[in-house]
Amino acid sequence: MILSLVLAATPSPTPTPQNGGLKPGLSAEQVTPGTLGFLATFAVAVAGLLLIRSMTKRVRRIQHRALIEEREAAARGEAPGDVDPGSGDGGPGTGADPSPRGAGGGPVTGHGSPGPRR
């Protein structure tokens, strides 16, 4: 029963034209991507794999650091994310300036930007 349904649903093969269904005057070599297309596709695939690998590594590193911070905070008896006022890390009540300073005494803004206007 199932075999008869499968055979009834299967189309019968039809012969293909001599030139593979291409317009007159075209050959298969003129419409295929060739070696250059393969190399470009391969390069994109390799780049994607490398980006995924790098992203995975960075996410794992961030998760590991967060886990270590949580364990250290639990050992100190703090809630995660709390700042210890006596640690000298610029937390509230320390009087320390938490912003990093550049060589000229101004704030470090990164990427060579001049910083905020005064």
PDB file of N, CA and C in Angstrom:
ATOM      1  N   MET A   1       0.818  -1.178   0.000  1.00  0.00           N
ATOM      2  CA  MET A   1       0.000   0.000   0.000  1.00  0.00           C
ATOM      3  C   MET A   1       0.870   1.253   0.000  1.00  0.00           C
ATOM      4  N   ILE A   2       1.825   1.352   0.936  1.00  0.00           N
ATOM      5  CA  ILE A   2       2.692   2.519   1.008  1.00  0.00           C
ATOM      6  C   ILE A   2       3.559   2.602  -0.245  1.00  0.00           C
ATOM      7  N   LEU A   3       4.016   1.453  -0.744  1.00  0.00           N
ATOM      8  CA  LEU A   3       4.844   1.449  -1.943  1.00  0.00           C
ATOM      9  C   LEU A   3       4.079   1.989  -3.135  1.00  0.00           C
ATOM     10  N   SER A   4       2.823   1.650  -3.253  1.00  0.00           N
ATOM     11  CA  SER A   4       2.040   2.154  -4.379  1.00  0.00           C
ATOM     12  C   SER A   4       1.818   3.660  -4.266  1.00  0.00           C
ATOM     13  N   LEU A   5       1.676   4.190  -3.030  1.00  0.00           N
ATOM     14  CA  LEU A   5       1.547   5.632  -2.843  1.00  0.00           C
ATOM     15  C   LEU A   5       2.840   6.358  -3.201  1.00  0.00           C
ATOM     16  N   VAL A   6       3.972   5.794  -2.795  1.00  0.00           N
ATOM     17  CA  VAL A   6       5.263   6.405  -3.101  1.00  0.00           C
ATOM     18  C   VAL A   6       5.499   6.402  -4.598  1.00  0.00           C
ATOM     19  N   LEU A   7       5.201   5.275  -5.258  1.00  0.00           N
ATOM     20  CA  LEU A   7       5.408   5.203  -6.693  1.00  0.00           C
ATOM     21  C   LEU A   7       4.459   6.129  -7.440  1.00  0.00           C
ATOM     22  N   ALA A   8       3.252   6.319  -6.934  1.00  0.00           N
ATOM     23  CA  ALA A   8       2.305   7.224  -7.586  1.00  0.00           C
ATOM     24  C   ALA A   8       2.727   8.682  -7.416  1.00  0.00           C
ATOM     25  N   ALA A   9       3.373   9.018  -6.293  1.00  0.00           N
ATOM     26  CA  ALA A   9       3.787  10.391  -6.031  1.00  0.00           C
ATOM     27  C   ALA A   9       5.119  10.731  -6.685  1.00  0.00           C
ATOM     28  N   THR A  10       5.897   9.739  -7.086  1.00  0.00           N
ATOM     29  CA  THR A  10       7.201   9.978  -7.685  1.00  0.00           C
ATOM     30  C   THR A  10       7.023  10.344  -9.154  1.00  0.00           C
ATOM     31  N   PRO A  11       7.529  11.491  -9.576  1.00  0.00           N
ATOM     32  CA  PRO A  11       7.387  11.859 -10.982  1.00  0.00           C
ATOM     33  C   PRO A  11       8.311  11.012 -11.859  1.00  0.00           C
ATOM     34  N   SER A  12       7.881  10.794 -13.055  1.00  0.00           N
ATOM     35  CA  SER A  12       8.725  10.037 -13.975  1.00  0.00           C
ATOM     36  C   SER A  12       9.786  10.968 -14.547  1.00  0.00           C
ATOM     37  N   PRO A  13      10.998  10.478 -14.720  1.00  0.00           N
ATOM     38  CA  PRO A  13      12.065  11.335 -15.228  1.00  0.00           C
ATOM     39  C   PRO A  13      11.795  11.755 -16.674  1.00  0.00           C
ATOM     40  N   THR A  14      12.143  12.999 -16.951  1.00  0.00           N
ATOM     41  CA  THR A  14      12.007  13.497 -18.312  1.00  0.00           C
ATOM     42  C   THR A  14      13.398  13.776 -18.855  1.00  0.00           C
ATOM     43  N   PRO A  15      13.623  13.570 -20.110  1.00  0.00           N
ATOM     44  CA  PRO A  15      14.950  13.835 -20.660  1.00  0.00           C
ATOM     45  C   PRO A  15      15.270  15.330 -20.616  1.00  0.00           C
ATOM     46  N   THR A  16      16.524  15.646 -20.315  1.00  0.00           N
ATOM     47  CA  THR A  16      16.955  17.037 -20.254  1.00  0.00           C
ATOM     48  C   THR A  16      17.444  17.462 -21.630  1.00  0.00           C
ATOM     49  N   PRO A  17      17.358  18.738 -21.923  1.00  0.00           N
ATOM     50  CA  PRO A  17      17.864  19.216 -23.212  1.00  0.00           C
ATOM     51  C   PRO A  17      19.370  18.987 -23.320  1.00  0.00           C
ATOM     52  N   GLN A  18      19.867  19.045 -24.513  1.00  0.00           N
ATOM     53  CA  GLN A  18      21.278  18.758 -24.794  1.00  0.00           C
ATOM     54  C   GLN A  18      22.215  19.700 -24.040  1.00  0.00           C
ATOM     55  N   ASN A  19      21.894  20.991 -23.965  1.00  0.00           N
ATOM     56  CA  ASN A  19      22.791  21.964 -23.323  1.00  0.00           C
ATOM     57  C   ASN A  19      22.454  22.195 -21.854  1.00  0.00           C
ATOM     58  N   GLY A  20      21.652  21.326 -21.232  1.00  0.00           N
ATOM     59  CA  GLY A  20      21.358  21.427 -19.798  1.00  0.00           C
ATOM     60  C   GLY A  20      20.334  22.486 -19.471  1.00  0.00           C
ATOM     61  N   GLY A  21      19.553  22.937 -20.417  1.00  0.00           N
ATOM     62  CA  GLY A  21      18.520  23.929 -20.151  1.00  0.00           C
ATOM     63  C   GLY A  21      19.020  25.357 -20.208  1.00  0.00           C
ATOM     64  N   LEU A  22      20.229  25.582 -20.712  1.00  0.00           N
ATOM     65  CA  LEU A  22      20.772  26.930 -20.810  1.00  0.00           C
ATOM     66  C   LEU A  22      20.251  27.608 -22.063  1.00  0.00           C
ATOM     67  N   LYS A  23      20.301  28.922 -22.044  1.00  0.00           N
ATOM     68  CA  LYS A  23      19.913  29.684 -23.227  1.00  0.00           C
ATOM     69  C   LYS A  23      20.905  29.393 -24.346  1.00  0.00           C
ATOM     70  N   PRO A  24      20.476  29.518 -25.577  1.00  0.00           N
ATOM     71  CA  PRO A  24      21.396  29.276 -26.695  1.00  0.00           C
ATOM     72  C   PRO A  24      22.594  30.222 -26.642  1.00  0.00           C
ATOM     73  N   GLY A  25      23.767  29.689 -26.888  1.00  0.00           N
ATOM     74  CA  GLY A  25      24.997  30.477 -26.893  1.00  0.00           C
ATOM     75  C   GLY A  25      25.751  30.455 -25.572  1.00  0.00           C
ATOM     76  N   LEU A  26      25.174  29.857 -24.507  1.00  0.00           N
ATOM     77  CA  LEU A  26      25.850  29.781 -23.212  1.00  0.00           C
ATOM     78  C   LEU A  26      26.322  28.359 -22.974  1.00  0.00           C
ATOM     79  N   SER A  27      27.472  28.251 -22.310  1.00  0.00           N
ATOM     80  CA  SER A  27      27.955  26.936 -21.906  1.00  0.00           C
ATOM     81  C   SER A  27      27.963  26.865 -20.380  1.00  0.00           C
ATOM     82  N   ALA A  28      28.107  25.662 -19.854  1.00  0.00           N
ATOM     83  CA  ALA A  28      28.095  25.476 -18.400  1.00  0.00           C
ATOM     84  C   ALA A  28      29.256  26.202 -17.739  1.00  0.00           C
ATOM     85  N   GLU A  29      30.398  26.324 -18.409  1.00  0.00           N
ATOM     86  CA  GLU A  29      31.561  27.008 -17.835  1.00  0.00           C
ATOM     87  C   GLU A  29      31.329  28.499 -17.672  1.00  0.00           C
ATOM     88  N   GLN A  30      30.427  29.074 -18.465  1.00  0.00           N
ATOM     89  CA  GLN A  30      30.180  30.512 -18.395  1.00  0.00           C
ATOM     90  C   GLN A  30      29.239  30.892 -17.250  1.00  0.00           C
ATOM     91  N   VAL A  31      28.501  29.959 -16.718  1.00  0.00           N
ATOM     92  CA  VAL A  31      27.517  30.293 -15.683  1.00  0.00           C
ATOM     93  C   VAL A  31      27.816  29.654 -14.334  1.00  0.00           C
ATOM     94  N   THR A  32      28.935  28.965 -14.177  1.00  0.00           N
ATOM     95  CA  THR A  32      29.301  28.372 -12.895  1.00  0.00           C
ATOM     96  C   THR A  32      30.282  29.292 -12.188  1.00  0.00           C
ATOM     97  N   PRO A  33      30.307  29.266 -10.854  1.00  0.00           N
ATOM     98  CA  PRO A  33      31.204  30.165 -10.127  1.00  0.00           C
ATOM     99  C   PRO A  33      32.681  29.819 -10.300  1.00  0.00           C
ATOM    100  N   GLY A  34      33.014  28.576 -10.526  1.00  0.00           N
ATOM    101  CA  GLY A  34      34.401  28.190 -10.757  1.00  0.00           C
ATOM    102  C   GLY A  34      35.246  28.219  -9.501  1.00  0.00           C
ATOM    103  N   THR A  35      36.542  28.220  -9.718  1.00  0.00           N
ATOM    104  CA  THR A  35      37.506  28.166  -8.612  1.00  0.00           C
ATOM    105  C   THR A  35      37.446  29.423  -7.758  1.00  0.00           C
ATOM    106  N   LEU A  36      37.332  30.572  -8.392  1.00  0.00           N
ATOM    107  CA  LEU A  36      37.301  31.825  -7.638  1.00  0.00           C
ATOM    108  C   LEU A  36      36.075  31.882  -6.715  1.00  0.00           C
ATOM    109  N   GLY A  37      34.942  31.434  -7.191  1.00  0.00           N
ATOM    110  CA  GLY A  37      33.745  31.399  -6.353  1.00  0.00           C
ATOM    111  C   GLY A  37      33.898  30.446  -5.191  1.00  0.00           C
ATOM    112  N   PHE A  38      34.523  29.283  -5.438  1.00  0.00           N
ATOM    113  CA  PHE A  38      34.758  28.330  -4.350  1.00  0.00           C
ATOM    114  C   PHE A  38      35.683  28.934  -3.306  1.00  0.00           C
ATOM    115  N   LEU A  39      36.764  29.576  -3.752  1.00  0.00           N
ATOM    116  CA  LEU A  39      37.721  30.153  -2.800  1.00  0.00           C
ATOM    117  C   LEU A  39      37.082  31.270  -1.974  1.00  0.00           C
ATOM    118  N   ALA A  40      36.244  32.089  -2.610  1.00  0.00           N
ATOM    119  CA  ALA A  40      35.577  33.161  -1.866  1.00  0.00           C
ATOM    120  C   ALA A  40      34.623  32.579  -0.823  1.00  0.00           C
ATOM    121  N   THR A  41      33.863  31.568  -1.204  1.00  0.00           N
ATOM    122  CA  THR A  41      32.940  30.932  -0.261  1.00  0.00           C
ATOM    123  C   THR A  41      33.700  30.260   0.879  1.00  0.00           C
ATOM    124  N   PHE A  42      34.790  29.604   0.554  1.00  0.00           N
ATOM    125  CA  PHE A  42      35.611  28.939   1.567  1.00  0.00           C
ATOM    126  C   PHE A  42      36.194  29.969   2.542  1.00  0.00           C
ATOM    127  N   ALA A  43      36.655  31.107   2.022  1.00  0.00           N
ATOM    128  CA  ALA A  43      37.232  32.148   2.879  1.00  0.00           C
ATOM    129  C   ALA A  43      36.175  32.708   3.838  1.00  0.00           C
ATOM    130  N   VAL A  44      34.958  32.915   3.350  1.00  0.00           N
ATOM    131  CA  VAL A  44      33.883  33.423   4.217  1.00  0.00           C
ATOM    132  C   VAL A  44      33.546  32.396   5.294  1.00  0.00           C
ATOM    133  N   ALA A  45      33.519  31.120   4.920  1.00  0.00           N
ATOM    134  CA  ALA A  45      33.217  30.070   5.897  1.00  0.00           C
ATOM    135  C   ALA A  45      34.301  29.992   6.975  1.00  0.00           C
ATOM    136  N   VAL A  46      35.561  30.057   6.572  1.00  0.00           N
ATOM    137  CA  VAL A  46      36.664  30.005   7.543  1.00  0.00           C
ATOM    138  C   VAL A  46      36.622  31.222   8.456  1.00  0.00           C
ATOM    139  N   ALA A  47      36.370  32.405   7.890  1.00  0.00           N
ATOM    140  CA  ALA A  47      36.286  33.616   8.711  1.00  0.00           C
ATOM    141  C   ALA A  47      35.148  33.501   9.718  1.00  0.00           C
ATOM    142  N   GLY A  48      34.022  32.966   9.295  1.00  0.00           N
ATOM    143  CA  GLY A  48      32.894  32.780  10.212  1.00  0.00           C
ATOM    144  C   GLY A  48      33.232  31.829  11.339  1.00  0.00           C
ATOM    145  N   LEU A  49      33.889  30.733  11.014  1.00  0.00           N
ATOM    146  CA  LEU A  49      34.282  29.778  12.051  1.00  0.00           C
ATOM    147  C   LEU A  49      35.258  30.401  13.041  1.00  0.00           C
ATOM    148  N   LEU A  50      36.208  31.180  12.532  1.00  0.00           N
ATOM    149  CA  LEU A  50      37.170  31.828  13.433  1.00  0.00           C
ATOM    150  C   LEU A  50      36.477  32.859  14.335  1.00  0.00           C
ATOM    151  N   LEU A  51      35.522  33.599  13.782  1.00  0.00           N
ATOM    152  CA  LEU A  51      34.791  34.561  14.602  1.00  0.00           C
ATOM    153  C   LEU A  51      33.961  33.868  15.684  1.00  0.00           C
ATOM    154  N   ILE A  52      33.319  32.778  15.330  1.00  0.00           N
ATOM    155  CA  ILE A  52      32.534  32.034  16.314  1.00  0.00           C
ATOM    156  C   ILE A  52      33.433  31.475  17.404  1.00  0.00           C
ATOM    157  N   ARG A  53      34.579  30.962  17.017  1.00  0.00           N
ATOM    158  CA  ARG A  53      35.518  30.410  18.006  1.00  0.00           C
ATOM    159  C   ARG A  53      36.011  31.501  18.956  1.00  0.00           C
ATOM    160  N   SER A  54      36.348  32.667  18.401  1.00  0.00           N
ATOM    161  CA  SER A  54      36.822  33.773  19.227  1.00  0.00           C
ATOM    162  C   SER A  54      35.721  34.250  20.177  1.00  0.00           C
ATOM    163  N   MET A  55      34.496  34.366  19.664  1.00  0.00           N
ATOM    164  CA  MET A  55      33.389  34.817  20.502  1.00  0.00           C
ATOM    165  C   MET A  55      33.128  33.835  21.638  1.00  0.00           C
ATOM    166  N   THR A  56      33.180  32.546  21.330  1.00  0.00           N
ATOM    167  CA  THR A  56      32.955  31.533  22.357  1.00  0.00           C
ATOM    168  C   THR A  56      34.013  31.625  23.450  1.00  0.00           C
ATOM    169  N   LYS A  57      35.257  31.828  23.040  1.00  0.00           N
ATOM    170  CA  LYS A  57      36.347  31.936  24.003  1.00  0.00           C
ATOM    171  C   LYS A  57      36.149  33.151  24.909  1.00  0.00           C
ATOM    172  N   ARG A  58      35.748  34.271  24.324  1.00  0.00           N
ATOM    173  CA  ARG A  58      35.563  35.487  25.114  1.00  0.00           C
ATOM    174  C   ARG A  58      34.378  35.362  26.075  1.00  0.00           C
ATOM    175  N   VAL A  59      33.289  34.748  25.625  1.00  0.00           N
ATOM    176  CA  VAL A  59      32.133  34.567  26.491  1.00  0.00           C
ATOM    177  C   VAL A  59      32.489  33.656  27.657  1.00  0.00           C
ATOM    178  N   ARG A  60      33.229  32.599  27.395  1.00  0.00           N
ATOM    179  CA  ARG A  60      33.654  31.706  28.482  1.00  0.00           C
ATOM    180  C   ARG A  60      34.531  32.429  29.480  1.00  0.00           C
ATOM    181  N   ARG A  61      35.423  33.288  28.979  1.00  0.00           N
ATOM    182  CA  ARG A  61      36.309  34.037  29.866  1.00  0.00           C
ATOM    183  C   ARG A  61      35.501  34.973  30.754  1.00  0.00           C
ATOM    184  N   ILE A  62      34.509  35.654  30.193  1.00  0.00           N
ATOM    185  CA  ILE A  62      33.681  36.569  30.967  1.00  0.00           C
ATOM    186  C   ILE A  62      32.879  35.799  32.019  1.00  0.00           C
ATOM    187  N   GLN A  63      32.311  34.659  31.624  1.00  0.00           N
ATOM    188  CA  GLN A  63      31.547  33.851  32.574  1.00  0.00           C
ATOM    189  C   GLN A  63      32.439  33.344  33.693  1.00  0.00           C
ATOM    190  N   HIS A  64      33.673  32.966  33.370  1.00  0.00           N
ATOM    191  CA  HIS A  64      34.596  32.475  34.390  1.00  0.00           C
ATOM    192  C   HIS A  64      34.954  33.593  35.366  1.00  0.00           C
ATOM    193  N   ARG A  65      35.203  34.797  34.844  1.00  0.00           N
ATOM    194  CA  ARG A  65      35.523  35.922  35.727  1.00  0.00           C
ATOM    195  C   ARG A  65      34.350  36.250  36.644  1.00  0.00           C
ATOM    196  N   ALA A  66      33.133  36.194  36.104  1.00  0.00           N
ATOM    197  CA  ALA A  66      31.953  36.477  36.928  1.00  0.00           C
ATOM    198  C   ALA A  66      31.798  35.431  38.025  1.00  0.00           C
ATOM    199  N   LEU A  67      32.081  34.177  37.693  1.00  0.00           N
ATOM    200  CA  LEU A  67      31.994  33.113  38.683  1.00  0.00           C
ATOM    201  C   LEU A  67      33.007  33.324  39.792  1.00  0.00           C
ATOM    202  N   ILE A  68      34.220  33.710  39.432  1.00  0.00           N
ATOM    203  CA  ILE A  68      35.254  33.973  40.439  1.00  0.00           C
ATOM    204  C   ILE A  68      34.846  35.142  41.320  1.00  0.00           C
ATOM    205  N   GLU A  69      34.303  36.213  40.716  1.00  0.00           N
ATOM    206  CA  GLU A  69      33.854  37.359  41.512  1.00  0.00           C
ATOM    207  C   GLU A  69      32.752  36.964  42.486  1.00  0.00           C
ATOM    208  N   GLU A  70      31.816  36.141  42.038  1.00  0.00           N
ATOM    209  CA  GLU A  70      30.740  35.699  42.917  1.00  0.00           C
ATOM    210  C   GLU A  70      31.282  34.881  44.083  1.00  0.00           C
ATOM    211  N   ARG A  71      32.238  34.012  43.804  1.00  0.00           N
ATOM    212  CA  ARG A  71      32.819  33.196  44.877  1.00  0.00           C
ATOM    213  C   ARG A  71      33.574  34.052  45.878  1.00  0.00           C
ATOM    214  N   GLU A  72      34.330  35.040  45.374  1.00  0.00           N
ATOM    215  CA  GLU A  72      35.070  35.925  46.277  1.00  0.00           C
ATOM    216  C   GLU A  72      34.105  36.768  47.106  1.00  0.00           C
ATOM    217  N   ALA A  73      33.021  37.246  46.467  1.00  0.00           N
ATOM    218  CA  ALA A  73      32.041  38.052  47.197  1.00  0.00           C
ATOM    219  C   ALA A  73      31.344  37.205  48.257  1.00  0.00           C
ATOM    220  N   ALA A  74      31.058  35.957  47.931  1.00  0.00           N
ATOM    221  CA  ALA A  74      30.422  35.073  48.908  1.00  0.00           C
ATOM    222  C   ALA A  74      31.374  34.788  50.071  1.00  0.00           C
ATOM    223  N   ALA A  75      32.660  34.670  49.771  1.00  0.00           N
ATOM    224  CA  ALA A  75      33.633  34.422  50.829  1.00  0.00           C
ATOM    225  C   ALA A  75      33.761  35.628  51.752  1.00  0.00           C
ATOM    226  N   ARG A  76      33.576  36.835  51.205  1.00  0.00           N
ATOM    227  CA  ARG A  76      33.638  38.051  52.018  1.00  0.00           C
ATOM    228  C   ARG A  76      32.306  38.346  52.684  1.00  0.00           C
ATOM    229  N   GLY A  77      31.269  37.641  52.290  1.00  0.00           N
ATOM    230  CA  GLY A  77      29.954  37.860  52.877  1.00  0.00           C
ATOM    231  C   GLY A  77      29.200  39.007  52.242  1.00  0.00           C
ATOM    232  N   GLU A  78      29.517  39.351  51.004  1.00  0.00           N
ATOM    233  CA  GLU A  78      28.852  40.452  50.308  1.00  0.00           C
ATOM    234  C   GLU A  78      27.918  39.895  49.252  1.00  0.00           C
ATOM    235  N   ALA A  79      27.017  40.757  48.840  1.00  0.00           N
ATOM    236  CA  ALA A  79      26.190  40.409  47.683  1.00  0.00           C
ATOM    237  C   ALA A  79      27.026  40.679  46.428  1.00  0.00           C
ATOM    238  N   PRO A  80      26.871  39.892  45.377  1.00  0.00           N
ATOM    239  CA  PRO A  80      27.643  40.142  44.152  1.00  0.00           C
ATOM    240  C   PRO A  80      27.364  41.528  43.605  1.00  0.00           C
ATOM    241  N   GLY A  81      28.442  42.231  43.220  1.00  0.00           N
ATOM    242  CA  GLY A  81      28.307  43.575  42.663  1.00  0.00           C
ATOM    243  C   GLY A  81      28.502  44.670  43.688  1.00  0.00           C
ATOM    244  N   ASP A  82      28.492  44.356  44.991  1.00  0.00           N
ATOM    245  CA  ASP A  82      28.734  45.361  46.012  1.00  0.00           C
ATOM    246  C   ASP A  82      30.197  45.770  45.984  1.00  0.00           C
ATOM    247  N   VAL A  83      30.459  47.014  46.362  1.00  0.00           N
ATOM    248  CA  VAL A  83      31.825  47.509  46.419  1.00  0.00           C
ATOM    249  C   VAL A  83      32.201  47.673  47.880  1.00  0.00           C
ATOM    250  N   ASP A  84      33.350  47.159  48.259  1.00  0.00           N
ATOM    251  CA  ASP A  84      33.844  47.271  49.627  1.00  0.00           C
ATOM    252  C   ASP A  84      34.397  48.677  49.828  1.00  0.00           C
ATOM    253  N   PRO A  85      33.828  49.492  50.752  1.00  0.00           N
ATOM    254  CA  PRO A  85      34.292  50.866  50.917  1.00  0.00           C
ATOM    255  C   PRO A  85      35.743  50.955  51.353  1.00  0.00           C
ATOM    256  N   GLY A  86      36.265  49.982  52.024  1.00  0.00           N
ATOM    257  CA  GLY A  86      37.641  50.046  52.497  1.00  0.00           C
ATOM    258  C   GLY A  86      38.637  49.452  51.528  1.00  0.00           C
ATOM    259  N   SER A  87      38.213  49.053  50.363  1.00  0.00           N
ATOM    260  CA  SER A  87      39.141  48.382  49.464  1.00  0.00           C
ATOM    261  C   SER A  87      40.008  49.348  48.686  1.00  0.00           C
ATOM    262  N   GLY A  88      39.667  50.653  48.666  1.00  0.00           N
ATOM    263  CA  GLY A  88      40.482  51.621  47.956  1.00  0.00           C
ATOM    264  C   GLY A  88      40.289  51.566  46.453  1.00  0.00           C
ATOM    265  N   ASP A  89      39.186  50.988  45.995  1.00  0.00           N
ATOM    266  CA  ASP A  89      38.971  50.882  44.558  1.00  0.00           C
ATOM    267  C   ASP A  89      38.070  51.987  44.031  1.00  0.00           C
ATOM    268  N   GLY A  90      37.941  53.057  44.767  1.00  0.00           N
ATOM    269  CA  GLY A  90      37.136  54.167  44.302  1.00  0.00           C
ATOM    270  C   GLY A  90      35.671  54.027  44.634  1.00  0.00           C
ATOM    271  N   GLY A  91      35.348  53.155  45.528  1.00  0.00           N
ATOM    272  CA  GLY A  91      33.962  52.957  45.917  1.00  0.00           C
ATOM    273  C   GLY A  91      33.456  54.124  46.740  1.00  0.00           C
ATOM    274  N   PRO A  92      32.188  54.118  47.075  1.00  0.00           N
ATOM    275  CA  PRO A  92      31.640  55.228  47.855  1.00  0.00           C
ATOM    276  C   PRO A  92      32.277  55.298  49.244  1.00  0.00           C
ATOM    277  N   GLY A  93      32.570  56.510  49.668  1.00  0.00           N
ATOM    278  CA  GLY A  93      33.104  56.716  51.007  1.00  0.00           C
ATOM    279  C   GLY A  93      34.617  56.615  51.098  1.00  0.00           C
ATOM    280  N   THR A  94      35.309  56.379  49.992  1.00  0.00           N
ATOM    281  CA  THR A  94      36.762  56.238  50.074  1.00  0.00           C
ATOM    282  C   THR A  94      37.482  57.530  49.764  1.00  0.00           C
ATOM    283  N   GLY A  95      36.812  58.444  49.045  1.00  0.00           N
ATOM    284  CA  GLY A  95      37.468  59.683  48.668  1.00  0.00           C
ATOM    285  C   GLY A  95      38.381  59.504  47.465  1.00  0.00           C
ATOM    286  N   ALA A  96      38.484  58.305  46.967  1.00  0.00           N
ATOM    287  CA  ALA A  96      39.341  58.059  45.813  1.00  0.00           C
ATOM    288  C   ALA A  96      38.574  58.368  44.536  1.00  0.00           C
ATOM    289  N   ASP A  97      39.304  58.841  43.537  1.00  0.00           N
ATOM    290  CA  ASP A  97      38.710  59.128  42.241  1.00  0.00           C
ATOM    291  C   ASP A  97      38.766  57.858  41.405  1.00  0.00           C
ATOM    292  N   PRO A  98      37.616  57.257  41.071  1.00  0.00           N
ATOM    293  CA  PRO A  98      37.622  55.989  40.368  1.00  0.00           C
ATOM    294  C   PRO A  98      37.979  56.102  38.891  1.00  0.00           C
ATOM    295  N   SER A  99      38.022  57.338  38.336  1.00  0.00           N
ATOM    296  CA  SER A  99      38.306  57.449  36.908  1.00  0.00           C
ATOM    297  C   SER A  99      39.810  57.403  36.675  1.00  0.00           C
ATOM    298  N   PRO A 100      40.254  56.636  35.670  1.00  0.00           N
ATOM    299  CA  PRO A 100      41.678  56.572  35.377  1.00  0.00           C
ATOM    300  C   PRO A 100      42.162  57.881  34.768  1.00  0.00           C
ATOM    301  N   ARG A 101      43.408  58.189  34.974  1.00  0.00           N
ATOM    302  CA  ARG A 101      43.983  59.428  34.456  1.00  0.00           C
ATOM    303  C   ARG A 101      45.060  59.123  33.432  1.00  0.00           C
ATOM    304  N   GLY A 102      45.096  59.957  32.413  1.00  0.00           N
ATOM    305  CA  GLY A 102      46.097  59.800  31.366  1.00  0.00           C
ATOM    306  C   GLY A 102      47.385  60.496  31.754  1.00  0.00           C
ATOM    307  N   ALA A 103      48.336  60.556  30.808  1.00  0.00           N
ATOM    308  CA  ALA A 103      49.646  61.141  31.074  1.00  0.00           C
ATOM    309  C   ALA A 103      49.544  62.625  31.384  1.00  0.00           C
ATOM    310  N   GLY A 104      48.592  63.339  30.789  1.00  0.00           N
ATOM    311  CA  GLY A 104      48.433  64.768  31.022  1.00  0.00           C
ATOM    312  C   GLY A 104      47.527  65.087  32.191  1.00  0.00           C
ATOM    313  N   GLY A 105      47.074  64.100  32.921  1.00  0.00           N
ATOM    314  CA  GLY A 105      46.207  64.316  34.059  1.00  0.00           C
ATOM    315  C   GLY A 105      44.730  64.305  33.711  1.00  0.00           C
ATOM    316  N   GLY A 106      44.410  64.257  32.417  1.00  0.00           N
ATOM    317  CA  GLY A 106      43.011  64.219  31.988  1.00  0.00           C
ATOM    318  C   GLY A 106      42.500  62.791  31.990  1.00  0.00           C
ATOM    319  N   PRO A 107      41.219  62.631  31.835  1.00  0.00           N
ATOM    320  CA  PRO A 107      40.655  61.278  31.825  1.00  0.00           C
ATOM    321  C   PRO A 107      41.097  60.494  30.591  1.00  0.00           C
ATOM    322  N   VAL A 108      41.298  59.205  30.762  1.00  0.00           N
ATOM    323  CA  VAL A 108      41.656  58.333  29.658  1.00  0.00           C
ATOM    324  C   VAL A 108      40.362  57.961  28.948  1.00  0.00           C
ATOM    325  N   THR A 109      40.271  58.324  27.662  1.00  0.00           N
ATOM    326  CA  THR A 109      39.042  58.059  26.924  1.00  0.00           C
ATOM    327  C   THR A 109      39.225  56.981  25.882  1.00  0.00           C
ATOM    328  N   GLY A 110      40.439  56.586  25.582  1.00  0.00           N
ATOM    329  CA  GLY A 110      40.688  55.512  24.627  1.00  0.00           C
ATOM    330  C   GLY A 110      40.636  55.994  23.193  1.00  0.00           C
ATOM    331  N   HIS A 111      41.297  55.309  22.339  1.00  0.00           N
ATOM    332  CA  HIS A 111      41.323  55.534  20.898  1.00  0.00           C
ATOM    333  C   HIS A 111      41.787  56.930  20.521  1.00  0.00           C
ATOM    334  N   GLY A 112      42.554  57.581  21.354  1.00  0.00           N
ATOM    335  CA  GLY A 112      43.147  58.870  21.020  1.00  0.00           C
ATOM    336  C   GLY A 112      42.167  60.030  20.971  1.00  0.00           C
ATOM    337  N   SER A 113      40.969  59.883  21.492  1.00  0.00           N
ATOM    338  CA  SER A 113      40.025  60.994  21.466  1.00  0.00           C
ATOM    339  C   SER A 113      40.414  61.992  22.544  1.00  0.00           C
ATOM    340  N   PRO A 114      40.132  63.278  22.336  1.00  0.00           N
ATOM    341  CA  PRO A 114      40.584  64.291  23.288  1.00  0.00           C
ATOM    342  C   PRO A 114      39.835  64.307  24.599  1.00  0.00           C
ATOM    343  N   GLY A 115      38.727  63.622  24.708  1.00  0.00           N
ATOM    344  CA  GLY A 115      37.976  63.619  25.951  1.00  0.00           C
ATOM    345  C   GLY A 115      36.869  64.644  25.933  1.00  0.00           C
ATOM    346  N   PRO A 116      36.167  64.804  27.040  1.00  0.00           N
ATOM    347  CA  PRO A 116      35.049  65.755  27.074  1.00  0.00           C
ATOM    348  C   PRO A 116      35.537  67.197  27.036  1.00  0.00           C
ATOM    349  N   ARG A 117      34.733  68.061  26.424  1.00  0.00           N
ATOM    350  CA  ARG A 117      35.074  69.490  26.385  1.00  0.00           C
ATOM    351  C   ARG A 117      34.735  70.129  27.710  1.00  0.00           C
ATOM    352  N   ARG A 118      35.529  71.127  28.057  1.00  0.00           N
ATOM    353  CA  ARG A 118      35.307  71.797  29.345  1.00  0.00           C
ATOM    354  C   ARG A 118      34.903  73.195  29.139  1.00  0.00           C
TER     355      ARG A 118
END
